[in-house]
Amino acid sequence: AEDDEASGKFLSKLVSRYGEVVLAKDGIE
């Protein structure tokens, strides 16, 4: 869960090494 697009992409890429990633753009999502 990360609202900043660049940070979201970085973190998604980082954790994708461990498995499947789902990205949410805010807390409600």
mmCIF file of all heavy atoms, coordinates in Angstrom:
data_MODEL
# 
_entry.id   MODEL 
# 
loop_
_atom_site.group_PDB 
_atom_site.id 
_atom_site.type_symbol 
_atom_site.label_atom_id 
_atom_site.label_alt_id 
_atom_site.label_comp_id 
_atom_site.label_asym_id 
_atom_site.label_entity_id 
_atom_site.label_seq_id 
_atom_site.pdbx_PDB_ins_code 
_atom_site.Cartn_x 
_atom_site.Cartn_y 
_atom_site.Cartn_z 
_atom_site.occupancy 
_atom_site.B_iso_or_equiv 
_atom_site.pdbx_formal_charge 
_atom_site.auth_seq_id 
_atom_site.auth_comp_id 
_atom_site.auth_asym_id 
_atom_site.auth_atom_id 
_atom_site.pdbx_PDB_model_num 
ATOM 1   N N   . ALA A 1 1  ? 0.862   -1.181  0.000   1.00 0.00 ? 1  ALA A N   1 
ATOM 2   C CA  . ALA A 1 1  ? 0.000   0.000   0.000   1.00 0.00 ? 1  ALA A CA  1 
ATOM 3   C C   . ALA A 1 1  ? 0.899   1.231   0.000   1.00 0.00 ? 1  ALA A C   1 
ATOM 4   O O   . ALA A 1 1  ? 1.560   1.532   0.994   1.00 0.00 ? 1  ALA A O   1 
ATOM 5   C CB  . ALA A 1 1  ? -0.923  0.002   1.213   1.00 0.00 ? 1  ALA A CB  1 
ATOM 6   N N   . GLU A 1 2  ? 0.918   1.928   -1.130  1.00 0.00 ? 2  GLU A N   1 
ATOM 7   C CA  . GLU A 1 2  ? 1.821   3.071   -1.320  1.00 0.00 ? 2  GLU A CA  1 
ATOM 8   C C   . GLU A 1 2  ? 1.184   4.031   -2.310  1.00 0.00 ? 2  GLU A C   1 
ATOM 9   O O   . GLU A 1 2  ? 0.878   3.639   -3.437  1.00 0.00 ? 2  GLU A O   1 
ATOM 10  C CB  . GLU A 1 2  ? 3.170   2.569   -1.832  1.00 0.00 ? 2  GLU A CB  1 
ATOM 11  C CG  . GLU A 1 2  ? 4.146   3.633   -2.241  1.00 0.00 ? 2  GLU A CG  1 
ATOM 12  C CD  . GLU A 1 2  ? 4.558   4.567   -1.115  1.00 0.00 ? 2  GLU A CD  1 
ATOM 13  O OE1 . GLU A 1 2  ? 5.282   4.131   -0.214  1.00 0.00 ? 2  GLU A OE1 1 
ATOM 14  O OE2 . GLU A 1 2  ? 4.138   5.753   -1.158  1.00 0.00 ? 2  GLU A OE2 1 
ATOM 15  N N   . ASP A 1 3  ? 0.977   5.283   -1.888  1.00 0.00 ? 3  ASP A N   1 
ATOM 16  C CA  . ASP A 1 3  ? 0.319   6.255   -2.763  1.00 0.00 ? 3  ASP A CA  1 
ATOM 17  C C   . ASP A 1 3  ? 1.278   6.927   -3.733  1.00 0.00 ? 3  ASP A C   1 
ATOM 18  O O   . ASP A 1 3  ? 0.861   7.407   -4.781  1.00 0.00 ? 3  ASP A O   1 
ATOM 19  C CB  . ASP A 1 3  ? -0.422  7.311   -1.937  1.00 0.00 ? 3  ASP A CB  1 
ATOM 20  C CG  . ASP A 1 3  ? 0.516   8.151   -1.092  1.00 0.00 ? 3  ASP A CG  1 
ATOM 21  O OD1 . ASP A 1 3  ? 1.311   7.560   -0.315  1.00 0.00 ? 3  ASP A OD1 1 
ATOM 22  O OD2 . ASP A 1 3  ? 0.453   9.390   -1.185  1.00 0.00 ? 3  ASP A OD2 1 
ATOM 23  N N   . ASP A 1 4  ? 2.562   6.948   -3.414  1.00 0.00 ? 4  ASP A N   1 
ATOM 24  C CA  . ASP A 1 4  ? 3.542   7.566   -4.309  1.00 0.00 ? 4  ASP A CA  1 
ATOM 25  C C   . ASP A 1 4  ? 3.910   6.555   -5.399  1.00 0.00 ? 4  ASP A C   1 
ATOM 26  O O   . ASP A 1 4  ? 4.374   5.444   -5.104  1.00 0.00 ? 4  ASP A O   1 
ATOM 27  C CB  . ASP A 1 4  ? 4.795   7.971   -3.521  1.00 0.00 ? 4  ASP A CB  1 
ATOM 28  C CG  . ASP A 1 4  ? 5.863   8.550   -4.416  1.00 0.00 ? 4  ASP A CG  1 
ATOM 29  O OD1 . ASP A 1 4  ? 5.686   9.696   -4.886  1.00 0.00 ? 4  ASP A OD1 1 
ATOM 30  O OD2 . ASP A 1 4  ? 6.864   7.843   -4.673  1.00 0.00 ? 4  ASP A OD2 1 
ATOM 31  N N   . GLU A 1 5  ? 3.684   6.929   -6.659  1.00 0.00 ? 5  GLU A N   1 
ATOM 32  C CA  . GLU A 1 5  ? 3.868   6.000   -7.775  1.00 0.00 ? 5  GLU A CA  1 
ATOM 33  C C   . GLU A 1 5  ? 5.289   5.442   -7.848  1.00 0.00 ? 5  GLU A C   1 
ATOM 34  O O   . GLU A 1 5  ? 5.483   4.231   -8.002  1.00 0.00 ? 5  GLU A O   1 
ATOM 35  C CB  . GLU A 1 5  ? 3.498   6.681   -9.097  1.00 0.00 ? 5  GLU A CB  1 
ATOM 36  C CG  . GLU A 1 5  ? 3.457   5.717   -10.249 1.00 0.00 ? 5  GLU A CG  1 
ATOM 37  C CD  . GLU A 1 5  ? 2.986   6.368   -11.545 1.00 0.00 ? 5  GLU A CD  1 
ATOM 38  O OE1 . GLU A 1 5  ? 2.321   7.414   -11.506 1.00 0.00 ? 5  GLU A OE1 1 
ATOM 39  O OE2 . GLU A 1 5  ? 3.290   5.787   -12.596 1.00 0.00 ? 5  GLU A OE2 1 
ATOM 40  N N   . ALA A 1 6  ? 6.290   6.308   -7.723  1.00 0.00 ? 6  ALA A N   1 
ATOM 41  C CA  . ALA A 1 6  ? 7.679   5.846   -7.818  1.00 0.00 ? 6  ALA A CA  1 
ATOM 42  C C   . ALA A 1 6  ? 8.025   4.901   -6.676  1.00 0.00 ? 6  ALA A C   1 
ATOM 43  O O   . ALA A 1 6  ? 8.640   3.845   -6.887  1.00 0.00 ? 6  ALA A O   1 
ATOM 44  C CB  . ALA A 1 6  ? 8.633   7.034   -7.836  1.00 0.00 ? 6  ALA A CB  1 
ATOM 45  N N   . SER A 1 7  ? 7.623   5.247   -5.467  1.00 0.00 ? 7  SER A N   1 
ATOM 46  C CA  . SER A 1 7  ? 7.884   4.380   -4.310  1.00 0.00 ? 7  SER A CA  1 
ATOM 47  C C   . SER A 1 7  ? 7.143   3.064   -4.442  1.00 0.00 ? 7  SER A C   1 
ATOM 48  O O   . SER A 1 7  ? 7.665   2.003   -4.084  1.00 0.00 ? 7  SER A O   1 
ATOM 49  C CB  . SER A 1 7  ? 7.464   5.074   -3.009  1.00 0.00 ? 7  SER A CB  1 
ATOM 50  O OG  . SER A 1 7  ? 8.271   6.193   -2.760  1.00 0.00 ? 7  SER A OG  1 
ATOM 51  N N   . GLY A 1 8  ? 5.919   3.118   -4.961  1.00 0.00 ? 8  GLY A N   1 
ATOM 52  C CA  . GLY A 1 8  ? 5.132   1.907   -5.164  1.00 0.00 ? 8  GLY A CA  1 
ATOM 53  C C   . GLY A 1 8  ? 5.801   0.958   -6.145  1.00 0.00 ? 8  GLY A C   1 
ATOM 54  O O   . GLY A 1 8  ? 5.866   -0.248  -5.925  1.00 0.00 ? 8  GLY A O   1 
ATOM 55  N N   . LYS A 1 9  ? 6.321   1.513   -7.241  1.00 0.00 ? 9  LYS A N   1 
ATOM 56  C CA  . LYS A 1 9  ? 7.009   0.689   -8.237  1.00 0.00 ? 9  LYS A CA  1 
ATOM 57  C C   . LYS A 1 9  ? 8.279   0.074   -7.652  1.00 0.00 ? 9  LYS A C   1 
ATOM 58  O O   . LYS A 1 9  ? 8.561   -1.106  -7.859  1.00 0.00 ? 9  LYS A O   1 
ATOM 59  C CB  . LYS A 1 9  ? 7.358   1.517   -9.478  1.00 0.00 ? 9  LYS A CB  1 
ATOM 60  C CG  . LYS A 1 9  ? 6.178   1.783   -10.375 1.00 0.00 ? 9  LYS A CG  1 
ATOM 61  C CD  . LYS A 1 9  ? 6.591   2.581   -11.595 1.00 0.00 ? 9  LYS A CD  1 
ATOM 62  C CE  . LYS A 1 9  ? 5.378   2.872   -12.466 1.00 0.00 ? 9  LYS A CE  1 
ATOM 63  N NZ  . LYS A 1 9  ? 5.744   3.662   -13.644 1.00 0.00 ? 9  LYS A NZ  1 
ATOM 64  N N   . PHE A 1 10 ? 9.045   0.886   -6.917  1.00 0.00 ? 10 PHE A N   1 
ATOM 65  C CA  . PHE A 1 10 ? 10.285  0.388   -6.309  1.00 0.00 ? 10 PHE A CA  1 
ATOM 66  C C   . PHE A 1 10 ? 9.988   -0.741  -5.337  1.00 0.00 ? 10 PHE A C   1 
ATOM 67  O O   . PHE A 1 10 ? 10.600  -1.810  -5.395  1.00 0.00 ? 10 PHE A O   1 
ATOM 68  C CB  . PHE A 1 10 ? 11.029  1.521   -5.583  1.00 0.00 ? 10 PHE A CB  1 
ATOM 69  C CG  . PHE A 1 10 ? 12.184  1.027   -4.771  1.00 0.00 ? 10 PHE A CG  1 
ATOM 70  C CD1 . PHE A 1 10 ? 13.395  0.712   -5.374  1.00 0.00 ? 10 PHE A CD1 1 
ATOM 71  C CD2 . PHE A 1 10 ? 12.059  0.850   -3.403  1.00 0.00 ? 10 PHE A CD2 1 
ATOM 72  C CE1 . PHE A 1 10 ? 14.462  0.228   -4.626  1.00 0.00 ? 10 PHE A CE1 1 
ATOM 73  C CE2 . PHE A 1 10 ? 13.115  0.364   -2.644  1.00 0.00 ? 10 PHE A CE2 1 
ATOM 74  C CZ  . PHE A 1 10 ? 14.321  0.058   -3.253  1.00 0.00 ? 10 PHE A CZ  1 
ATOM 75  N N   . LEU A 1 11 ? 9.035   -0.506  -4.442  1.00 0.00 ? 11 LEU A N   1 
ATOM 76  C CA  . LEU A 1 11 ? 8.715   -1.510  -3.431  1.00 0.00 ? 11 LEU A CA  1 
ATOM 77  C C   . LEU A 1 11 ? 8.123   -2.773  -4.058  1.00 0.00 ? 11 LEU A C   1 
ATOM 78  O O   . LEU A 1 11 ? 8.461   -3.892  -3.666  1.00 0.00 ? 11 LEU A O   1 
ATOM 79  C CB  . LEU A 1 11 ? 7.764   -0.918  -2.386  1.00 0.00 ? 11 LEU A CB  1 
ATOM 80  C CG  . LEU A 1 11 ? 7.596   -1.696  -1.090  1.00 0.00 ? 11 LEU A CG  1 
ATOM 81  C CD1 . LEU A 1 11 ? 8.933   -2.009  -0.445  1.00 0.00 ? 11 LEU A CD1 1 
ATOM 82  C CD2 . LEU A 1 11 ? 6.724   -0.917  -0.127  1.00 0.00 ? 11 LEU A CD2 1 
ATOM 83  N N   . SER A 1 12 ? 7.275   -2.587  -5.062  1.00 0.00 ? 12 SER A N   1 
ATOM 84  C CA  . SER A 1 12 ? 6.700   -3.747  -5.757  1.00 0.00 ? 12 SER A CA  1 
ATOM 85  C C   . SER A 1 12 ? 7.792   -4.589  -6.404  1.00 0.00 ? 12 SER A C   1 
ATOM 86  O O   . SER A 1 12 ? 7.777   -5.815  -6.321  1.00 0.00 ? 12 SER A O   1 
ATOM 87  C CB  . SER A 1 12 ? 5.701   -3.296  -6.820  1.00 0.00 ? 12 SER A CB  1 
ATOM 88  O OG  . SER A 1 12 ? 4.570   -2.738  -6.210  1.00 0.00 ? 12 SER A OG  1 
ATOM 89  N N   . LYS A 1 13 ? 8.747   -3.920  -7.038  1.00 0.00 ? 13 LYS A N   1 
ATOM 90  C CA  . LYS A 1 13 ? 9.858   -4.643  -7.677  1.00 0.00 ? 13 LYS A CA  1 
ATOM 91  C C   . LYS A 1 13 ? 10.701  -5.353  -6.616  1.00 0.00 ? 13 LYS A C   1 
ATOM 92  O O   . LYS A 1 13 ? 11.093  -6.512  -6.803  1.00 0.00 ? 13 LYS A O   1 
ATOM 93  C CB  . LYS A 1 13 ? 10.717  -3.685  -8.490  1.00 0.00 ? 13 LYS A CB  1 
ATOM 94  C CG  . LYS A 1 13 ? 11.807  -4.384  -9.261  1.00 0.00 ? 13 LYS A CG  1 
ATOM 95  C CD  . LYS A 1 13 ? 12.568  -3.440  -10.164 1.00 0.00 ? 13 LYS A CD  1 
ATOM 96  C CE  . LYS A 1 13 ? 13.624  -4.213  -10.925 1.00 0.00 ? 13 LYS A CE  1 
ATOM 97  N NZ  . LYS A 1 13 ? 14.395  -3.384  -11.814 1.00 0.00 ? 13 LYS A NZ  1 
ATOM 98  N N   . LEU A 1 14 ? 10.938  -4.687  -5.508  1.00 0.00 ? 14 LEU A N   1 
ATOM 99  C CA  . LEU A 1 14 ? 11.735  -5.271  -4.430  1.00 0.00 ? 14 LEU A CA  1 
ATOM 100 C C   . LEU A 1 14 ? 11.076  -6.536  -3.881  1.00 0.00 ? 14 LEU A C   1 
ATOM 101 O O   . LEU A 1 14 ? 11.711  -7.576  -3.775  1.00 0.00 ? 14 LEU A O   1 
ATOM 102 C CB  . LEU A 1 14 ? 11.932  -4.247  -3.305  1.00 0.00 ? 14 LEU A CB  1 
ATOM 103 C CG  . LEU A 1 14 ? 12.628  -4.735  -2.037  1.00 0.00 ? 14 LEU A CG  1 
ATOM 104 C CD1 . LEU A 1 14 ? 14.052  -5.180  -2.344  1.00 0.00 ? 14 LEU A CD1 1 
ATOM 105 C CD2 . LEU A 1 14 ? 12.616  -3.650  -0.976  1.00 0.00 ? 14 LEU A CD2 1 
ATOM 106 N N   . VAL A 1 15 ? 9.798   -6.469  -3.565  1.00 0.00 ? 15 VAL A N   1 
ATOM 107 C CA  . VAL A 1 15 ? 9.134   -7.629  -2.957  1.00 0.00 ? 15 VAL A CA  1 
ATOM 108 C C   . VAL A 1 15 ? 8.730   -8.686  -3.977  1.00 0.00 ? 15 VAL A C   1 
ATOM 109 O O   . VAL A 1 15 ? 8.463   -9.824  -3.596  1.00 0.00 ? 15 VAL A O   1 
ATOM 110 C CB  . VAL A 1 15 ? 7.930   -7.235  -2.066  1.00 0.00 ? 15 VAL A CB  1 
ATOM 111 C CG1 . VAL A 1 15 ? 8.372   -6.391  -0.896  1.00 0.00 ? 15 VAL A CG1 1 
ATOM 112 C CG2 . VAL A 1 15 ? 6.851   -6.552  -2.841  1.00 0.00 ? 15 VAL A CG2 1 
ATOM 113 N N   . SER A 1 16 ? 8.725   -8.340  -5.250  1.00 0.00 ? 16 SER A N   1 
ATOM 114 C CA  . SER A 1 16 ? 8.374   -9.342  -6.270  1.00 0.00 ? 16 SER A CA  1 
ATOM 115 C C   . SER A 1 16 ? 9.407   -10.467 -6.317  1.00 0.00 ? 16 SER A C   1 
ATOM 116 O O   . SER A 1 16 ? 9.118   -11.554 -6.813  1.00 0.00 ? 16 SER A O   1 
ATOM 117 C CB  . SER A 1 16 ? 8.213   -8.697  -7.648  1.00 0.00 ? 16 SER A CB  1 
ATOM 118 O OG  . SER A 1 16 ? 9.457   -8.258  -8.146  1.00 0.00 ? 16 SER A OG  1 
ATOM 119 N N   . ARG A 1 17 ? 10.591  -10.226 -5.777  1.00 0.00 ? 17 ARG A N   1 
ATOM 120 C CA  . ARG A 1 17 ? 11.604  -11.281 -5.687  1.00 0.00 ? 17 ARG A CA  1 
ATOM 121 C C   . ARG A 1 17 ? 11.140  -12.419 -4.781  1.00 0.00 ? 17 ARG A C   1 
ATOM 122 O O   . ARG A 1 17 ? 11.612  -13.533 -4.883  1.00 0.00 ? 17 ARG A O   1 
ATOM 123 C CB  . ARG A 1 17 ? 12.920  -10.723 -5.127  1.00 0.00 ? 17 ARG A CB  1 
ATOM 124 C CG  . ARG A 1 17 ? 13.494  -9.617  -5.956  1.00 0.00 ? 17 ARG A CG  1 
ATOM 125 C CD  . ARG A 1 17 ? 14.772  -9.074  -5.396  1.00 0.00 ? 17 ARG A CD  1 
ATOM 126 N NE  . ARG A 1 17 ? 14.744  -8.959  -3.939  1.00 0.00 ? 17 ARG A NE  1 
ATOM 127 C CZ  . ARG A 1 17 ? 15.757  -8.529  -3.215  1.00 0.00 ? 17 ARG A CZ  1 
ATOM 128 N NH1 . ARG A 1 17 ? 16.879  -8.180  -3.806  1.00 0.00 ? 17 ARG A NH1 1 
ATOM 129 N NH2 . ARG A 1 17 ? 15.670  -8.445  -1.919  1.00 0.00 ? 17 ARG A NH2 1 
ATOM 130 N N   . TYR A 1 18 ? 10.209  -12.107 -3.872  1.00 0.00 ? 18 TYR A N   1 
ATOM 131 C CA  . TYR A 1 18 ? 9.737   -13.093 -2.902  1.00 0.00 ? 18 TYR A CA  1 
ATOM 132 C C   . TYR A 1 18 ? 8.445   -13.776 -3.328  1.00 0.00 ? 18 TYR A C   1 
ATOM 133 O O   . TYR A 1 18 ? 8.073   -14.790 -2.769  1.00 0.00 ? 18 TYR A O   1 
ATOM 134 C CB  . TYR A 1 18 ? 9.506   -12.443 -1.539  1.00 0.00 ? 18 TYR A CB  1 
ATOM 135 C CG  . TYR A 1 18 ? 10.686  -11.661 -1.041  1.00 0.00 ? 18 TYR A CG  1 
ATOM 136 C CD1 . TYR A 1 18 ? 10.624  -10.280 -0.934  1.00 0.00 ? 18 TYR A CD1 1 
ATOM 137 C CD2 . TYR A 1 18 ? 11.869  -12.299 -0.679  1.00 0.00 ? 18 TYR A CD2 1 
ATOM 138 C CE1 . TYR A 1 18 ? 11.717  -9.560  -0.475  1.00 0.00 ? 18 TYR A CE1 1 
ATOM 139 C CE2 . TYR A 1 18 ? 12.961  -11.579 -0.230  1.00 0.00 ? 18 TYR A CE2 1 
ATOM 140 C CZ  . TYR A 1 18 ? 12.874  -10.206 -0.117  1.00 0.00 ? 18 TYR A CZ  1 
ATOM 141 O OH  . TYR A 1 18 ? 13.956  -9.507  0.324   1.00 0.00 ? 18 TYR A OH  1 
ATOM 142 N N   . GLY A 1 19 ? 7.723   -13.179 -4.273  1.00 0.00 ? 19 GLY A N   1 
ATOM 143 C CA  . GLY A 1 19 ? 6.462   -13.780 -4.680  1.00 0.00 ? 19 GLY A CA  1 
ATOM 144 C C   . GLY A 1 19 ? 5.547   -12.795 -5.385  1.00 0.00 ? 19 GLY A C   1 
ATOM 145 O O   . GLY A 1 19 ? 5.984   -11.766 -5.901  1.00 0.00 ? 19 GLY A O   1 
ATOM 146 N N   . GLU A 1 20 ? 4.255   -13.104 -5.368  1.00 0.00 ? 20 GLU A N   1 
ATOM 147 C CA  . GLU A 1 20 ? 3.228   -12.301 -6.040  1.00 0.00 ? 20 GLU A CA  1 
ATOM 148 C C   . GLU A 1 20 ? 2.979   -11.001 -5.273  1.00 0.00 ? 20 GLU A C   1 
ATOM 149 O O   . GLU A 1 20 ? 2.884   -10.995 -4.050  1.00 0.00 ? 20 GLU A O   1 
ATOM 150 C CB  . GLU A 1 20 ? 1.935   -13.107 -6.099  1.00 0.00 ? 20 GLU A CB  1 
ATOM 151 C CG  . GLU A 1 20 ? 0.774   -12.378 -6.720  1.00 0.00 ? 20 GLU A CG  1 
ATOM 152 C CD  . GLU A 1 20 ? -0.523  -13.159 -6.594  1.00 0.00 ? 20 GLU A CD  1 
ATOM 153 O OE1 . GLU A 1 20 ? -0.507  -14.359 -6.235  1.00 0.00 ? 20 GLU A OE1 1 
ATOM 154 O OE2 . GLU A 1 20 ? -1.572  -12.556 -6.863  1.00 0.00 ? 20 GLU A OE2 1 
ATOM 155 N N   . VAL A 1 21 ? 2.853   -9.892  -6.012  1.00 0.00 ? 21 VAL A N   1 
ATOM 156 C CA  . VAL A 1 21 ? 2.634   -8.583  -5.403  1.00 0.00 ? 21 VAL A CA  1 
ATOM 157 C C   . VAL A 1 21 ? 1.343   -7.957  -5.926  1.00 0.00 ? 21 VAL A C   1 
ATOM 158 O O   . VAL A 1 21 ? 1.079   -7.977  -7.122  1.00 0.00 ? 21 VAL A O   1 
ATOM 159 C CB  . VAL A 1 21 ? 3.807   -7.618  -5.712  1.00 0.00 ? 21 VAL A CB  1 
ATOM 160 C CG1 . VAL A 1 21 ? 3.563   -6.252  -5.091  1.00 0.00 ? 21 VAL A CG1 1 
ATOM 161 C CG2 . VAL A 1 21 ? 5.122   -8.197  -5.238  1.00 0.00 ? 21 VAL A CG2 1 
ATOM 162 N N   . VAL A 1 22 ? 0.573   -7.406  -4.997  1.00 0.00 ? 22 VAL A N   1 
ATOM 163 C CA  . VAL A 1 22 ? -0.615  -6.630  -5.341  1.00 0.00 ? 22 VAL A CA  1 
ATOM 164 C C   . VAL A 1 22 ? -0.367  -5.222  -4.802  1.00 0.00 ? 22 VAL A C   1 
ATOM 165 O O   . VAL A 1 22 ? 0.017   -5.057  -3.643  1.00 0.00 ? 22 VAL A O   1 
ATOM 166 C CB  . VAL A 1 22 ? -1.888  -7.235  -4.707  1.00 0.00 ? 22 VAL A CB  1 
ATOM 167 C CG1 . VAL A 1 22 ? -3.085  -6.347  -4.958  1.00 0.00 ? 22 VAL A CG1 1 
ATOM 168 C CG2 . VAL A 1 22 ? -2.119  -8.638  -5.236  1.00 0.00 ? 22 VAL A CG2 1 
ATOM 169 N N   . LEU A 1 23 ? -0.570  -4.208  -5.646  1.00 0.00 ? 23 LEU A N   1 
ATOM 170 C CA  . LEU A 1 23 ? -0.319  -2.819  -5.255  1.00 0.00 ? 23 LEU A CA  1 
ATOM 171 C C   . LEU A 1 23 ? -1.637  -2.090  -5.019  1.00 0.00 ? 23 LEU A C   1 
ATOM 172 O O   . LEU A 1 23 ? -2.542  -2.143  -5.858  1.00 0.00 ? 23 LEU A O   1 
ATOM 173 C CB  . LEU A 1 23 ? 0.486   -2.106  -6.352  1.00 0.00 ? 23 LEU A CB  1 
ATOM 174 C CG  . LEU A 1 23 ? 0.882   -0.654  -6.105  1.00 0.00 ? 23 LEU A CG  1 
ATOM 175 C CD1 . LEU A 1 23 ? 1.783   -0.521  -4.878  1.00 0.00 ? 23 LEU A CD1 1 
ATOM 176 C CD2 . LEU A 1 23 ? 1.585   -0.084  -7.332  1.00 0.00 ? 23 LEU A CD2 1 
ATOM 177 N N   . ALA A 1 24 ? -1.744  -1.432  -3.869  1.00 0.00 ? 24 ALA A N   1 
ATOM 178 C CA  . ALA A 1 24 ? -2.890  -0.585  -3.542  1.00 0.00 ? 24 ALA A CA  1 
ATOM 179 C C   . ALA A 1 24 ? -2.394  0.851   -3.462  1.00 0.00 ? 24 ALA A C   1 
ATOM 180 O O   . ALA A 1 24 ? -1.317  1.110   -2.923  1.00 0.00 ? 24 ALA A O   1 
ATOM 181 C CB  . ALA A 1 24 ? -3.514  -1.011  -2.218  1.00 0.00 ? 24 ALA A CB  1 
ATOM 182 N N   . LYS A 1 25 ? -3.178  1.786   -3.984  1.00 0.00 ? 25 LYS A N   1 
ATOM 183 C CA  . LYS A 1 25 ? -2.737  3.177   -4.060  1.00 0.00 ? 25 LYS A CA  1 
ATOM 184 C C   . LYS A 1 25 ? -3.151  4.031   -2.854  1.00 0.00 ? 25 LYS A C   1 
ATOM 185 O O   . LYS A 1 25 ? -2.784  5.191   -2.755  1.00 0.00 ? 25 LYS A O   1 
ATOM 186 C CB  . LYS A 1 25 ? -3.246  3.808   -5.346  1.00 0.00 ? 25 LYS A CB  1 
ATOM 187 C CG  . LYS A 1 25 ? -2.593  3.194   -6.581  1.00 0.00 ? 25 LYS A CG  1 
ATOM 188 C CD  . LYS A 1 25 ? -3.029  3.911   -7.829  1.00 0.00 ? 25 LYS A CD  1 
ATOM 189 C CE  . LYS A 1 25 ? -2.517  3.428   -9.113  1.00 0.00 ? 25 LYS A CE  1 
ATOM 190 N NZ  . LYS A 1 25 ? -1.651  2.416   -9.340  1.00 0.00 ? 25 LYS A NZ  1 
ATOM 191 N N   . ASP A 1 26 ? -3.952  3.460   -1.938  1.00 0.00 ? 26 ASP A N   1 
ATOM 192 C CA  . ASP A 1 26 ? -4.319  4.169   -0.713  1.00 0.00 ? 26 ASP A CA  1 
ATOM 193 C C   . ASP A 1 26 ? -4.782  3.162   0.326   1.00 0.00 ? 26 ASP A C   1 
ATOM 194 O O   . ASP A 1 26 ? -4.904  1.964   0.041   1.00 0.00 ? 26 ASP A O   1 
ATOM 195 C CB  . ASP A 1 26 ? -5.395  5.236   -0.978  1.00 0.00 ? 26 ASP A CB  1 
ATOM 196 C CG  . ASP A 1 26 ? -6.687  4.672   -1.528  1.00 0.00 ? 26 ASP A CG  1 
ATOM 197 O OD1 . ASP A 1 26 ? -7.275  3.769   -0.889  1.00 0.00 ? 26 ASP A OD1 1 
ATOM 198 O OD2 . ASP A 1 26 ? -7.124  5.134   -2.597  1.00 0.00 ? 26 ASP A OD2 1 
ATOM 199 N N   . GLY A 1 27 ? -5.039  3.640   1.540   1.00 0.00 ? 27 GLY A N   1 
ATOM 200 C CA  . GLY A 1 27 ? -5.414  2.760   2.634   1.00 0.00 ? 27 GLY A CA  1 
ATOM 201 C C   . GLY A 1 27 ? -6.735  2.044   2.433   1.00 0.00 ? 27 GLY A C   1 
ATOM 202 O O   . GLY A 1 27 ? -6.876  0.864   2.792   1.00 0.00 ? 27 GLY A O   1 
ATOM 203 N N   . ILE A 1 28 ? -7.711  2.713   1.853   1.00 0.00 ? 28 ILE A N   1 
ATOM 204 C CA  . ILE A 1 28 ? -9.017  2.081   1.623   1.00 0.00 ? 28 ILE A CA  1 
ATOM 205 C C   . ILE A 1 28 ? -8.871  0.928   0.637   1.00 0.00 ? 28 ILE A C   1 
ATOM 206 O O   . ILE A 1 28 ? -9.393  -0.170  0.858   1.00 0.00 ? 28 ILE A O   1 
ATOM 207 C CB  . ILE A 1 28 ? -10.063 3.113   1.140   1.00 0.00 ? 28 ILE A CB  1 
ATOM 208 C CG1 . ILE A 1 28 ? -10.393 4.074   2.274   1.00 0.00 ? 28 ILE A CG1 1 
ATOM 209 C CG2 . ILE A 1 28 ? -11.316 2.418   0.631   1.00 0.00 ? 28 ILE A CG2 1 
ATOM 210 C CD1 . ILE A 1 28 ? -11.297 5.222   1.896   1.00 0.00 ? 28 ILE A CD1 1 
ATOM 211 N N   . GLU A 1 29 ? -8.144  1.163   -0.440  1.00 0.00 ? 29 GLU A N   1 
ATOM 212 C CA  . GLU A 1 29 ? -7.920  0.104   -1.430  1.00 0.00 ? 29 GLU A CA  1 
ATOM 213 C C   . GLU A 1 29 ? -7.159  -1.067  -0.794  1.00 0.00 ? 29 GLU A C   1 
ATOM 214 O O   . GLU A 1 29 ? -7.449  -2.234  -1.080  1.00 0.00 ? 29 GLU A O   1 
ATOM 215 C CB  . GLU A 1 29 ? -7.147  0.660   -2.632  1.00 0.00 ? 29 GLU A CB  1 
ATOM 216 C CG  . GLU A 1 29 ? -7.016  -0.323  -3.770  1.00 0.00 ? 29 GLU A CG  1 
ATOM 217 C CD  . GLU A 1 29 ? -6.281  0.250   -4.976  1.00 0.00 ? 29 GLU A CD  1 
ATOM 218 O OE1 . GLU A 1 29 ? -6.330  1.480   -5.212  1.00 0.00 ? 29 GLU A OE1 1 
ATOM 219 O OE2 . GLU A 1 29 ? -5.655  -0.556  -5.686  1.00 0.00 ? 29 GLU A OE2 1 
# 
